[in-house]
Amino acid sequence: MNPVKLVLGFVPFLLFSVLTAWIPVGWAAAAGLVAALAVVAATAGGGIKVLPLVQAVILLVIAVLGFAAGPATVAFLTVYGRGLASSALGLFIVATAARTPFTAQFARAAVPESTWHTPEFLHANRRISLAWGYVVLILGACHITGAFLAVQHALPLVRLLVDWGVPVLAFLRVIAYTRRTAAETSSH
């Protein structure tokens, strides 16, 4: 399994996260939604991948609220939308990991079809999906904490470390974990 492809699957949320600092939240979510739909279309070979599809649904909700809700809701989403979106995605990944680990969809492209339903393949993908789900939950918590720190006028360096530094380190760790777990599984 190529963890870089997993990271690329998060591009819609990354785009949304970056754009919310520059444009209204509704437009940032709409841009992320378009990116999510593009990822859904680009990765549809072998079946629609759940990761970009769930991101599309979450971003659709935020886009609709960003355009249709009142000023207080829009202001709240502008500050906390990134964290709430990541938290929702992380909860989805963790909740579905035991039954349908999203990483199995990516891993199937790299292994023979005869291994897709083996206990080792499923166990490894459950573990990897849980790890990714926890990292996305960490990302959500960091974005919510970073937004709260911004509202409290905390030092920009502290906000930067919480909002981006910790998540980047967490993603680097989960990439290493994914590589190690996939290598262990393929050696058996």
N, C-alpha and C. Protein backbone atom coordinates (compact mmCIF):
# COMPACT_ATOMS: atom_id res chain seq x y z
N MET A 1 0.85 -1.18 0.00
CA MET A 1 0.00 0.00 0.00
C MET A 1 0.89 1.23 0.00
N ASN A 2 0.54 2.17 -0.83
CA ASN A 2 1.30 3.40 -0.94
C ASN A 2 0.64 4.48 -0.06
N PRO A 3 1.29 4.84 1.07
CA PRO A 3 0.66 5.84 1.94
C PRO A 3 0.57 7.23 1.31
N VAL A 4 1.39 7.50 0.30
CA VAL A 4 1.31 8.80 -0.39
C VAL A 4 -0.06 8.93 -1.07
N LYS A 5 -0.56 7.82 -1.63
CA LYS A 5 -1.89 7.86 -2.24
C LYS A 5 -2.97 8.14 -1.19
N LEU A 6 -2.76 7.61 0.01
CA LEU A 6 -3.70 7.92 1.09
C LEU A 6 -3.68 9.41 1.41
N VAL A 7 -2.49 9.97 1.50
CA VAL A 7 -2.36 11.40 1.78
C VAL A 7 -3.03 12.22 0.68
N LEU A 8 -2.83 11.83 -0.57
CA LEU A 8 -3.46 12.55 -1.68
C LEU A 8 -4.98 12.49 -1.59
N GLY A 9 -5.49 11.43 -0.95
CA GLY A 9 -6.93 11.33 -0.76
C GLY A 9 -7.49 12.40 0.15
N PHE A 10 -6.62 13.05 0.93
CA PHE A 10 -7.06 14.12 1.84
C PHE A 10 -6.93 15.52 1.23
N VAL A 11 -6.58 15.62 -0.03
CA VAL A 11 -6.40 16.92 -0.69
C VAL A 11 -7.63 17.81 -0.59
N PRO A 12 -8.86 17.28 -0.75
CA PRO A 12 -10.02 18.18 -0.62
C PRO A 12 -10.08 18.91 0.72
N PHE A 13 -9.81 18.19 1.81
CA PHE A 13 -9.83 18.85 3.12
C PHE A 13 -8.65 19.80 3.29
N LEU A 14 -7.51 19.43 2.74
CA LEU A 14 -6.35 20.33 2.80
C LEU A 14 -6.66 21.63 2.06
N LEU A 15 -7.24 21.51 0.89
CA LEU A 15 -7.62 22.70 0.11
C LEU A 15 -8.61 23.55 0.91
N PHE A 16 -9.61 22.93 1.47
CA PHE A 16 -10.59 23.65 2.29
C PHE A 16 -9.90 24.34 3.46
N SER A 17 -9.00 23.63 4.14
CA SER A 17 -8.29 24.19 5.30
C SER A 17 -7.48 25.42 4.93
N VAL A 18 -6.81 25.37 3.81
CA VAL A 18 -5.98 26.50 3.40
C VAL A 18 -6.85 27.66 2.93
N LEU A 19 -7.88 27.37 2.16
CA LEU A 19 -8.70 28.44 1.59
C LEU A 19 -9.54 29.19 2.62
N THR A 20 -9.89 28.53 3.74
CA THR A 20 -10.73 29.22 4.73
C THR A 20 -10.05 30.45 5.31
N ALA A 21 -8.73 30.51 5.21
CA ALA A 21 -8.00 31.69 5.69
C ALA A 21 -8.07 32.84 4.69
N TRP A 22 -8.48 32.56 3.45
CA TRP A 22 -8.40 33.57 2.39
C TRP A 22 -9.74 33.98 1.80
N ILE A 23 -10.69 33.05 1.78
CA ILE A 23 -11.98 33.34 1.14
C ILE A 23 -13.10 32.92 2.07
N PRO A 24 -14.35 33.37 1.81
CA PRO A 24 -15.47 32.99 2.67
C PRO A 24 -15.62 31.47 2.76
N VAL A 25 -16.07 31.00 3.91
CA VAL A 25 -16.13 29.57 4.21
C VAL A 25 -16.98 28.80 3.20
N GLY A 26 -18.06 29.39 2.73
CA GLY A 26 -18.90 28.71 1.73
C GLY A 26 -18.14 28.43 0.45
N TRP A 27 -17.38 29.41 0.00
CA TRP A 27 -16.58 29.23 -1.22
C TRP A 27 -15.42 28.27 -0.98
N ALA A 28 -14.81 28.33 0.19
CA ALA A 28 -13.72 27.39 0.51
C ALA A 28 -14.24 25.96 0.52
N ALA A 29 -15.40 25.76 1.12
CA ALA A 29 -16.00 24.42 1.14
C ALA A 29 -16.41 23.98 -0.27
N ALA A 30 -16.93 24.91 -1.07
CA ALA A 30 -17.30 24.58 -2.44
C ALA A 30 -16.07 24.16 -3.26
N ALA A 31 -14.96 24.86 -3.06
CA ALA A 31 -13.72 24.48 -3.77
C ALA A 31 -13.25 23.10 -3.31
N GLY A 32 -13.32 22.84 -2.01
CA GLY A 32 -12.97 21.52 -1.50
C GLY A 32 -13.91 20.45 -2.04
N LEU A 33 -15.20 20.78 -2.15
CA LEU A 33 -16.18 19.85 -2.69
C LEU A 33 -15.86 19.50 -4.14
N VAL A 34 -15.52 20.50 -4.94
CA VAL A 34 -15.14 20.25 -6.34
C VAL A 34 -13.91 19.35 -6.39
N ALA A 35 -12.93 19.62 -5.52
CA ALA A 35 -11.73 18.77 -5.46
C ALA A 35 -12.10 17.35 -5.05
N ALA A 36 -13.00 17.21 -4.08
CA ALA A 36 -13.42 15.88 -3.63
C ALA A 36 -14.10 15.11 -4.76
N LEU A 37 -14.97 15.80 -5.51
CA LEU A 37 -15.64 15.15 -6.63
C LEU A 37 -14.64 14.76 -7.72
N ALA A 38 -13.62 15.59 -7.91
CA ALA A 38 -12.57 15.25 -8.88
C ALA A 38 -11.78 14.02 -8.42
N VAL A 39 -11.50 13.95 -7.12
CA VAL A 39 -10.80 12.78 -6.58
C VAL A 39 -11.69 11.54 -6.69
N VAL A 40 -12.99 11.68 -6.42
CA VAL A 40 -13.91 10.56 -6.57
C VAL A 40 -13.85 10.04 -8.01
N ALA A 41 -13.92 10.96 -8.97
CA ALA A 41 -13.90 10.56 -10.38
C ALA A 41 -12.55 9.95 -10.78
N ALA A 42 -11.47 10.57 -10.31
CA ALA A 42 -10.13 10.11 -10.71
C ALA A 42 -9.77 8.76 -10.10
N THR A 43 -10.35 8.43 -8.96
CA THR A 43 -10.00 7.18 -8.28
C THR A 43 -11.10 6.14 -8.39
N ALA A 44 -12.08 6.36 -9.25
CA ALA A 44 -13.25 5.47 -9.33
C ALA A 44 -12.93 4.12 -9.96
N GLY A 45 -11.80 3.97 -10.61
CA GLY A 45 -11.44 2.67 -11.17
C GLY A 45 -11.39 1.63 -10.07
N GLY A 46 -12.13 0.55 -10.22
CA GLY A 46 -12.18 -0.47 -9.19
C GLY A 46 -13.21 -0.15 -8.11
N GLY A 47 -14.01 0.85 -8.32
CA GLY A 47 -15.04 1.21 -7.35
C GLY A 47 -14.79 2.56 -6.72
N ILE A 48 -15.85 3.22 -6.35
CA ILE A 48 -15.74 4.54 -5.74
C ILE A 48 -15.12 4.42 -4.36
N LYS A 49 -14.12 5.24 -4.11
CA LYS A 49 -13.42 5.24 -2.81
C LYS A 49 -14.24 6.04 -1.80
N VAL A 50 -14.37 5.49 -0.62
CA VAL A 50 -15.21 6.10 0.41
C VAL A 50 -14.61 7.39 0.96
N LEU A 51 -13.28 7.48 1.06
CA LEU A 51 -12.64 8.65 1.67
C LEU A 51 -13.01 9.95 0.95
N PRO A 52 -12.82 10.07 -0.36
CA PRO A 52 -13.21 11.34 -0.99
C PRO A 52 -14.72 11.54 -1.02
N LEU A 53 -15.48 10.45 -1.05
CA LEU A 53 -16.93 10.57 -1.05
C LEU A 53 -17.44 11.17 0.27
N VAL A 54 -16.91 10.68 1.39
CA VAL A 54 -17.31 11.22 2.70
C VAL A 54 -16.85 12.68 2.81
N GLN A 55 -15.66 12.99 2.32
CA GLN A 55 -15.22 14.39 2.34
C GLN A 55 -16.16 15.26 1.53
N ALA A 56 -16.62 14.75 0.38
CA ALA A 56 -17.55 15.51 -0.46
C ALA A 56 -18.83 15.81 0.30
N VAL A 57 -19.36 14.83 1.02
CA VAL A 57 -20.60 15.03 1.77
C VAL A 57 -20.40 16.07 2.87
N ILE A 58 -19.30 15.95 3.62
CA ILE A 58 -19.02 16.90 4.71
C ILE A 58 -18.86 18.31 4.14
N LEU A 59 -18.11 18.43 3.05
CA LEU A 59 -17.89 19.75 2.45
C LEU A 59 -19.16 20.31 1.83
N LEU A 60 -20.02 19.45 1.30
CA LEU A 60 -21.31 19.90 0.79
C LEU A 60 -22.14 20.53 1.90
N VAL A 61 -22.18 19.89 3.05
CA VAL A 61 -22.93 20.43 4.20
C VAL A 61 -22.36 21.80 4.60
N ILE A 62 -21.04 21.89 4.69
CA ILE A 62 -20.42 23.16 5.08
C ILE A 62 -20.66 24.23 4.02
N ALA A 63 -20.58 23.85 2.74
CA ALA A 63 -20.82 24.82 1.67
C ALA A 63 -22.26 25.34 1.73
N VAL A 64 -23.22 24.45 1.89
CA VAL A 64 -24.62 24.87 1.97
C VAL A 64 -24.81 25.81 3.16
N LEU A 65 -24.28 25.42 4.32
CA LEU A 65 -24.39 26.28 5.49
C LEU A 65 -23.66 27.61 5.28
N GLY A 66 -22.50 27.54 4.63
CA GLY A 66 -21.72 28.75 4.38
C GLY A 66 -22.43 29.76 3.50
N PHE A 67 -23.27 29.24 2.59
CA PHE A 67 -24.01 30.13 1.69
C PHE A 67 -25.41 30.49 2.22
N ALA A 68 -26.03 29.58 2.96
CA ALA A 68 -27.43 29.77 3.33
C ALA A 68 -27.68 30.14 4.78
N ALA A 69 -26.73 29.88 5.65
CA ALA A 69 -26.96 30.12 7.08
C ALA A 69 -26.79 31.60 7.41
N GLY A 70 -27.20 31.91 8.61
CA GLY A 70 -27.08 33.29 9.08
C GLY A 70 -25.64 33.65 9.41
N PRO A 71 -25.41 34.93 9.67
CA PRO A 71 -24.05 35.41 9.92
C PRO A 71 -23.35 34.74 11.11
N ALA A 72 -24.10 34.41 12.15
CA ALA A 72 -23.47 33.78 13.32
C ALA A 72 -22.95 32.39 12.98
N THR A 73 -23.74 31.62 12.23
CA THR A 73 -23.31 30.27 11.82
C THR A 73 -22.12 30.35 10.89
N VAL A 74 -22.16 31.28 9.94
CA VAL A 74 -21.04 31.45 9.01
C VAL A 74 -19.77 31.85 9.76
N ALA A 75 -19.91 32.75 10.72
CA ALA A 75 -18.75 33.15 11.53
C ALA A 75 -18.20 31.96 12.31
N PHE A 76 -19.08 31.15 12.88
CA PHE A 76 -18.66 29.96 13.62
C PHE A 76 -17.93 28.99 12.69
N LEU A 77 -18.50 28.73 11.52
CA LEU A 77 -17.87 27.81 10.56
C LEU A 77 -16.54 28.35 10.04
N THR A 78 -16.44 29.66 9.91
CA THR A 78 -15.19 30.25 9.46
C THR A 78 -14.08 29.95 10.46
N VAL A 79 -14.41 30.00 11.74
CA VAL A 79 -13.41 29.77 12.78
C VAL A 79 -13.20 28.27 13.03
N TYR A 80 -14.29 27.53 13.16
CA TYR A 80 -14.20 26.14 13.62
C TYR A 80 -14.51 25.08 12.56
N GLY A 81 -14.85 25.49 11.35
CA GLY A 81 -15.24 24.54 10.30
C GLY A 81 -14.19 23.50 9.97
N ARG A 82 -12.92 23.91 9.89
CA ARG A 82 -11.85 22.95 9.56
C ARG A 82 -11.78 21.85 10.61
N GLY A 83 -11.83 22.25 11.87
CA GLY A 83 -11.74 21.26 12.94
C GLY A 83 -12.96 20.36 13.00
N LEU A 84 -14.13 20.93 12.79
CA LEU A 84 -15.35 20.12 12.80
C LEU A 84 -15.37 19.14 11.64
N ALA A 85 -14.95 19.60 10.47
CA ALA A 85 -14.91 18.73 9.28
C ALA A 85 -13.94 17.57 9.51
N SER A 86 -12.76 17.87 10.00
CA SER A 86 -11.77 16.81 10.26
C SER A 86 -12.27 15.85 11.34
N SER A 87 -12.88 16.39 12.37
CA SER A 87 -13.41 15.54 13.43
C SER A 87 -14.49 14.60 12.90
N ALA A 88 -15.37 15.12 12.06
CA ALA A 88 -16.43 14.28 11.48
C ALA A 88 -15.83 13.16 10.62
N LEU A 89 -14.83 13.51 9.81
CA LEU A 89 -14.19 12.49 8.97
C LEU A 89 -13.46 11.46 9.83
N GLY A 90 -12.74 11.93 10.84
CA GLY A 90 -12.04 11.01 11.73
C GLY A 90 -12.99 10.06 12.43
N LEU A 91 -14.11 10.57 12.91
CA LEU A 91 -15.11 9.72 13.56
C LEU A 91 -15.66 8.68 12.59
N PHE A 92 -15.89 9.09 11.36
CA PHE A 92 -16.37 8.15 10.34
C PHE A 92 -15.35 7.04 10.11
N ILE A 93 -14.08 7.41 9.95
CA ILE A 93 -13.04 6.42 9.69
C ILE A 93 -12.92 5.44 10.84
N VAL A 94 -12.91 5.95 12.07
CA VAL A 94 -12.78 5.08 13.25
C VAL A 94 -14.02 4.18 13.37
N ALA A 95 -15.20 4.75 13.16
CA ALA A 95 -16.43 3.98 13.31
C ALA A 95 -16.56 2.87 12.27
N THR A 96 -15.99 3.04 11.10
CA THR A 96 -16.13 2.05 10.04
C THR A 96 -14.90 1.14 9.88
N ALA A 97 -13.86 1.39 10.63
CA ALA A 97 -12.61 0.64 10.45
C ALA A 97 -12.77 -0.85 10.71
N ALA A 98 -13.54 -1.23 11.70
CA ALA A 98 -13.69 -2.64 12.03
C ALA A 98 -14.43 -3.42 10.95
N ARG A 99 -15.37 -2.77 10.32
CA ARG A 99 -16.20 -3.46 9.32
C ARG A 99 -15.70 -3.26 7.90
N THR A 100 -15.44 -2.02 7.53
CA THR A 100 -14.99 -1.71 6.16
C THR A 100 -13.85 -0.70 6.22
N PRO A 101 -12.63 -1.16 6.48
CA PRO A 101 -11.51 -0.23 6.57
C PRO A 101 -11.27 0.46 5.22
N PHE A 102 -11.26 1.79 5.24
CA PHE A 102 -11.12 2.53 3.99
C PHE A 102 -9.80 2.26 3.30
N THR A 103 -8.76 1.92 4.06
CA THR A 103 -7.45 1.67 3.46
C THR A 103 -7.44 0.42 2.60
N ALA A 104 -8.36 -0.50 2.84
CA ALA A 104 -8.42 -1.72 2.02
C ALA A 104 -8.66 -1.38 0.56
N GLN A 105 -9.44 -0.31 0.31
CA GLN A 105 -9.69 0.10 -1.07
C GLN A 105 -8.40 0.51 -1.76
N PHE A 106 -7.52 1.17 -1.04
CA PHE A 106 -6.23 1.59 -1.61
C PHE A 106 -5.28 0.40 -1.71
N ALA A 107 -5.30 -0.46 -0.71
CA ALA A 107 -4.37 -1.59 -0.66
C ALA A 107 -4.66 -2.62 -1.75
N ARG A 108 -5.91 -2.76 -2.13
CA ARG A 108 -6.26 -3.76 -3.14
C ARG A 108 -5.54 -3.51 -4.47
N ALA A 109 -5.20 -2.27 -4.74
CA ALA A 109 -4.50 -1.96 -5.99
C ALA A 109 -3.07 -2.51 -5.99
N ALA A 110 -2.54 -2.83 -4.81
CA ALA A 110 -1.14 -3.24 -4.72
C ALA A 110 -0.94 -4.72 -4.39
N VAL A 111 -2.04 -5.45 -4.18
CA VAL A 111 -1.89 -6.86 -3.82
C VAL A 111 -2.78 -7.72 -4.72
N PRO A 112 -2.43 -9.00 -4.84
CA PRO A 112 -3.26 -9.90 -5.66
C PRO A 112 -4.67 -10.05 -5.08
N GLU A 113 -5.63 -10.23 -5.95
CA GLU A 113 -7.02 -10.34 -5.52
C GLU A 113 -7.22 -11.52 -4.56
N SER A 114 -6.41 -12.52 -4.66
CA SER A 114 -6.55 -13.70 -3.78
C SER A 114 -6.30 -13.36 -2.31
N THR A 115 -5.65 -12.24 -2.02
CA THR A 115 -5.37 -11.86 -0.63
C THR A 115 -6.40 -10.90 -0.04
N TRP A 116 -7.31 -10.41 -0.85
CA TRP A 116 -8.23 -9.37 -0.41
C TRP A 116 -9.11 -9.76 0.77
N HIS A 117 -9.43 -11.02 0.90
CA HIS A 117 -10.35 -11.45 1.96
C HIS A 117 -9.66 -12.31 3.01
N THR A 118 -8.35 -12.31 2.99
CA THR A 118 -7.62 -13.09 4.00
C THR A 118 -7.66 -12.36 5.34
N PRO A 119 -7.61 -13.10 6.42
CA PRO A 119 -7.61 -12.46 7.75
C PRO A 119 -6.44 -11.49 7.93
N GLU A 120 -5.27 -11.82 7.38
CA GLU A 120 -4.10 -10.95 7.54
C GLU A 120 -4.31 -9.60 6.85
N PHE A 121 -4.85 -9.65 5.63
CA PHE A 121 -5.11 -8.42 4.87
C PHE A 121 -6.13 -7.55 5.61
N LEU A 122 -7.22 -8.16 6.03
CA LEU A 122 -8.27 -7.40 6.72
C LEU A 122 -7.79 -6.86 8.06
N HIS A 123 -7.06 -7.67 8.81
CA HIS A 123 -6.55 -7.23 10.11
C HIS A 123 -5.59 -6.05 9.94
N ALA A 124 -4.68 -6.16 8.99
CA ALA A 124 -3.72 -5.07 8.76
C ALA A 124 -4.44 -3.79 8.35
N ASN A 125 -5.44 -3.91 7.49
CA ASN A 125 -6.15 -2.71 7.05
C ASN A 125 -7.03 -2.13 8.13
N ARG A 126 -7.55 -2.96 9.01
CA ARG A 126 -8.29 -2.42 10.15
C ARG A 126 -7.37 -1.59 11.04
N ARG A 127 -6.18 -2.13 11.30
CA ARG A 127 -5.20 -1.42 12.13
C ARG A 127 -4.76 -0.11 11.46
N ILE A 128 -4.49 -0.18 10.17
CA ILE A 128 -4.03 1.02 9.45
C ILE A 128 -5.15 2.06 9.39
N SER A 129 -6.37 1.61 9.11
CA SER A 129 -7.50 2.56 9.06
C SER A 129 -7.73 3.23 10.41
N LEU A 130 -7.65 2.44 11.48
CA LEU A 130 -7.78 3.03 12.82
C LEU A 130 -6.71 4.08 13.07
N ALA A 131 -5.47 3.76 12.68
CA ALA A 131 -4.38 4.73 12.87
C ALA A 131 -4.66 6.01 12.11
N TRP A 132 -5.11 5.90 10.87
CA TRP A 132 -5.44 7.09 10.09
C TRP A 132 -6.62 7.84 10.71
N GLY A 133 -7.61 7.10 11.17
CA GLY A 133 -8.76 7.74 11.81
C GLY A 133 -8.35 8.53 13.04
N TYR A 134 -7.47 7.95 13.85
CA TYR A 134 -7.00 8.66 15.04
C TYR A 134 -6.21 9.90 14.67
N VAL A 135 -5.41 9.81 13.62
CA VAL A 135 -4.64 10.99 13.19
C VAL A 135 -5.57 12.08 12.68
N VAL A 136 -6.61 11.71 11.96
CA VAL A 136 -7.56 12.71 11.48
C VAL A 136 -8.31 13.33 12.67
N LEU A 137 -8.60 12.54 13.70
CA LEU A 137 -9.20 13.10 14.92
C LEU A 137 -8.23 14.05 15.61
N ILE A 138 -6.95 13.70 15.64
CA ILE A 138 -5.93 14.61 16.19
C ILE A 138 -5.90 15.90 15.39
N LEU A 139 -5.96 15.79 14.08
CA LEU A 139 -6.00 16.96 13.22
C LEU A 139 -7.19 17.85 13.56
N GLY A 140 -8.36 17.22 13.72
CA GLY A 140 -9.56 17.99 14.08
C GLY A 140 -9.39 18.69 15.41
N ALA A 141 -8.87 17.97 16.40
CA ALA A 141 -8.65 18.57 17.72
C ALA A 141 -7.65 19.71 17.64
N CYS A 142 -6.61 19.54 16.85
CA CYS A 142 -5.61 20.61 16.69
C CYS A 142 -6.21 21.83 16.02
N HIS A 143 -7.04 21.61 14.98
CA HIS A 143 -7.66 22.76 14.31
C HIS A 143 -8.65 23.47 15.23
N ILE A 144 -9.39 22.73 16.02
CA ILE A 144 -10.31 23.36 16.96
C ILE A 144 -9.53 24.12 18.03
N THR A 145 -8.48 23.50 18.56
CA THR A 145 -7.65 24.17 19.56
C THR A 145 -6.97 25.39 18.96
N GLY A 146 -6.44 25.26 17.75
CA GLY A 146 -5.80 26.40 17.07
C GLY A 146 -6.78 27.54 16.86
N ALA A 147 -8.01 27.22 16.49
CA ALA A 147 -9.03 28.26 16.29
C ALA A 147 -9.36 28.94 17.61
N PHE A 148 -9.46 28.14 18.68
CA PHE A 148 -9.72 28.72 19.99
C PHE A 148 -8.57 29.63 20.41
N LEU A 149 -7.33 29.18 20.17
CA LEU A 149 -6.17 30.01 20.51
C LEU A 149 -6.16 31.30 19.70
N ALA A 150 -6.60 31.24 18.45
CA ALA A 150 -6.67 32.46 17.63
C ALA A 150 -7.68 33.43 18.21
N VAL A 151 -8.84 32.90 18.64
CA VAL A 151 -9.87 33.75 19.24
C VAL A 151 -9.33 34.39 20.53
N GLN A 152 -8.48 33.65 21.24
CA GLN A 152 -7.90 34.15 22.49
C GLN A 152 -6.64 34.99 22.26
N HIS A 153 -6.29 35.20 21.00
CA HIS A 153 -5.13 36.01 20.61
C HIS A 153 -3.82 35.44 21.15
N ALA A 154 -3.69 34.12 21.09
CA ALA A 154 -2.44 33.47 21.51
C ALA A 154 -1.33 33.82 20.53
N LEU A 155 -0.13 33.59 20.94
CA LEU A 155 1.02 33.87 20.08
C LEU A 155 0.91 33.12 18.76
N PRO A 156 1.19 33.78 17.64
CA PRO A 156 1.08 33.12 16.34
C PRO A 156 1.91 31.84 16.23
N LEU A 157 3.09 31.82 16.84
CA LEU A 157 3.93 30.62 16.76
C LEU A 157 3.26 29.44 17.47
N VAL A 158 2.63 29.70 18.60
CA VAL A 158 1.92 28.64 19.32
C VAL A 158 0.77 28.12 18.48
N ARG A 159 0.01 29.03 17.88
CA ARG A 159 -1.10 28.62 17.02
C ARG A 159 -0.60 27.82 15.83
N LEU A 160 0.48 28.25 15.22
CA LEU A 160 1.05 27.54 14.07
C LEU A 160 1.47 26.12 14.46
N LEU A 161 2.12 25.99 15.60
CA LEU A 161 2.55 24.67 16.06
C LEU A 161 1.35 23.75 16.32
N VAL A 162 0.33 24.28 16.97
CA VAL A 162 -0.85 23.48 17.28
C VAL A 162 -1.64 23.17 16.02
N ASP A 163 -1.85 24.17 15.19
CA ASP A 163 -2.72 24.04 14.01
C ASP A 163 -2.07 23.24 12.88
N TRP A 164 -0.78 23.34 12.72
CA TRP A 164 -0.12 22.68 11.58
C TRP A 164 1.05 21.78 12.00
N GLY A 165 1.83 22.17 12.99
CA GLY A 165 3.01 21.39 13.38
C GLY A 165 2.66 20.02 13.90
N VAL A 166 1.78 19.96 14.88
CA VAL A 166 1.38 18.67 15.46
C VAL A 166 0.72 17.78 14.40
N PRO A 167 -0.21 18.31 13.58
CA PRO A 167 -0.81 17.45 12.55
C PRO A 167 0.21 16.92 11.54
N VAL A 168 1.15 17.74 11.13
CA VAL A 168 2.16 17.26 10.17
C VAL A 168 2.96 16.12 10.79
N LEU A 169 3.37 16.28 12.05
CA LEU A 169 4.10 15.20 12.73
C LEU A 169 3.24 13.94 12.85
N ALA A 170 1.97 14.11 13.16
CA ALA A 170 1.07 12.96 13.27
C ALA A 170 0.94 12.25 11.92
N PHE A 171 0.81 13.01 10.85
CA PHE A 171 0.71 12.40 9.52
C PHE A 171 2.01 11.69 9.14
N LEU A 172 3.15 12.25 9.48
CA LEU A 172 4.42 11.58 9.20
C LEU A 172 4.50 10.26 9.96
N ARG A 173 4.04 10.26 11.19
CA ARG A 173 4.03 9.02 12.00
C ARG A 173 3.10 7.97 11.41
N VAL A 174 1.91 8.38 10.97
CA VAL A 174 0.97 7.40 10.44
C VAL A 174 1.43 6.88 9.08
N ILE A 175 2.14 7.69 8.32
CA ILE A 175 2.72 7.22 7.06
C ILE A 175 3.75 6.14 7.35
N ALA A 176 4.62 6.38 8.32
CA ALA A 176 5.64 5.39 8.71
C ALA A 176 4.96 4.12 9.22
N TYR A 177 3.93 4.27 10.03
CA TYR A 177 3.20 3.13 10.56
C TYR A 177 2.56 2.33 9.42
N THR A 178 1.98 3.02 8.47
CA THR A 178 1.35 2.36 7.32
C THR A 178 2.38 1.55 6.54
N ARG A 179 3.51 2.16 6.27
CA ARG A 179 4.56 1.44 5.53
C ARG A 179 5.03 0.21 6.30
N ARG A 180 5.26 0.37 7.59
CA ARG A 180 5.76 -0.73 8.41
C ARG A 180 4.72 -1.86 8.49
N THR A 181 3.48 -1.52 8.72
CA THR A 181 2.43 -2.53 8.84
C THR A 181 2.20 -3.25 7.52
N ALA A 182 2.20 -2.49 6.42
CA ALA A 182 2.02 -3.11 5.10
C ALA A 182 3.20 -4.04 4.78
N ALA A 183 4.40 -3.63 5.12
CA ALA A 183 5.59 -4.47 4.87
C ALA A 183 5.52 -5.74 5.71
N GLU A 184 5.13 -5.63 6.97
CA GLU A 184 4.99 -6.80 7.84
C GLU A 184 3.95 -7.77 7.29
N THR A 185 2.86 -7.23 6.80
CA THR A 185 1.79 -8.06 6.28
C THR A 185 2.21 -8.76 4.99
N SER A 186 2.92 -8.06 4.13
CA SER A 186 3.32 -8.66 2.86
C SER A 186 4.44 -9.70 3.05
N SER A 187 5.17 -9.62 4.16
CA SER A 187 6.24 -10.59 4.39
C SER A 187 5.71 -11.90 4.96
N HIS A 188 4.43 -11.92 5.36
CA HIS A 188 3.87 -13.15 5.95
C HIS A 188 3.31 -14.04 4.88
